[in-house]
Protein backbone atom coordinates (compact mmCIF):
# COMPACT_ATOMS: atom_id res chain seq x y z
CA UNK A 1 -8.65 -27.50 -77.37
CA UNK A 2 -11.05 -25.10 -75.17
CA UNK A 3 -10.72 -25.19 -71.61
CA UNK A 4 -13.55 -25.44 -69.50
CA UNK A 5 -13.40 -22.64 -66.29
CA UNK A 6 -15.24 -23.40 -62.81
CA UNK A 7 -17.50 -21.81 -61.78
CA UNK A 8 -17.31 -19.54 -58.89
CA UNK A 9 -19.74 -21.06 -55.62
CA UNK A 10 -20.41 -18.09 -53.55
CA UNK A 11 -21.48 -18.43 -49.86
CA UNK A 12 -23.92 -20.77 -49.52
CA UNK A 13 -22.81 -23.19 -52.34
CA UNK A 14 -24.79 -20.28 -54.17
CA UNK A 15 -23.44 -18.69 -57.44
CA UNK A 16 -23.09 -15.04 -55.86
CA UNK A 17 -21.04 -11.79 -57.20
CA UNK A 18 -20.41 -10.98 -52.99
CA UNK A 19 -17.48 -13.02 -51.36
CA UNK A 20 -18.05 -14.43 -48.44
CA UNK A 21 -15.71 -12.66 -46.06
CA UNK A 22 -18.58 -10.25 -46.45
CA UNK A 23 -21.02 -12.06 -45.99
CA UNK A 24 -19.44 -13.57 -42.85
CA UNK A 25 -17.83 -10.00 -42.25
CA UNK A 26 -21.60 -8.43 -42.25
CA UNK A 27 -23.17 -11.68 -40.33
CA UNK A 28 -19.89 -10.01 -37.26
CA UNK A 29 -21.29 -7.29 -37.37
CA UNK A 30 -24.05 -8.07 -36.81
CA UNK A 31 -23.91 -9.78 -33.54
CA UNK A 32 -21.27 -7.19 -31.91
CA UNK A 33 -24.22 -4.59 -33.11
CA UNK A 34 -26.56 -7.44 -30.39
CA UNK A 35 -24.60 -7.95 -27.58
CA UNK A 36 -23.02 -4.85 -27.46
CA UNK A 37 -27.42 -3.80 -26.44
CA UNK A 38 -27.43 -6.27 -24.73
CA UNK A 39 -24.94 -5.06 -22.24
CA UNK A 40 -25.94 -1.09 -22.77
CA UNK A 41 -28.90 -2.94 -21.07
CA UNK A 42 -28.51 -4.15 -18.09
CA UNK A 43 -28.44 -0.93 -16.56
CA UNK A 44 -32.14 -0.45 -17.77
CA UNK A 45 -32.88 -4.05 -15.42
CA UNK A 46 -30.64 -2.53 -11.98
CA UNK A 47 -33.69 -1.00 -10.78
CA UNK A 48 -36.18 -2.76 -11.13
CA UNK A 49 -35.03 -6.92 -9.41
CA UNK A 50 -33.77 -4.07 -6.59
CA UNK A 51 -37.69 -3.30 -6.23
CA UNK A 52 -39.63 -6.81 -7.74
CA UNK A 53 -36.91 -8.65 -6.32
CA UNK A 54 -35.97 -6.63 -3.16
CA UNK A 55 -31.98 -7.71 -3.77
CA UNK A 56 -29.18 -5.63 -3.18
CA UNK A 57 -27.43 -4.47 -6.53
CA UNK A 58 -24.06 -6.46 -5.57
CA UNK A 59 -26.17 -9.19 -6.23
CA UNK A 60 -27.89 -8.27 -9.29
CA UNK A 61 -24.73 -7.28 -10.32
CA UNK A 62 -23.79 -10.68 -9.47
CA UNK A 63 -26.32 -13.10 -10.31
CA UNK A 64 -25.18 -11.41 -14.43
CA UNK A 65 -21.82 -12.00 -14.46
CA UNK A 66 -22.32 -15.66 -13.50
């Protein structure tokens, strides 16, 4: 009697040599980099918002915090 070995399915139900955990780690790394970029870029926007809208630094920061 021969035993039939089930095929392992990778990410998204496709046969893949890459383990699903690596896909999750890659997506998390990309999201982490994108989130950090957004937070760091906010400092560049403070001065233009102050000048064009006439807002104080506290008002701009409060709007970002909410």
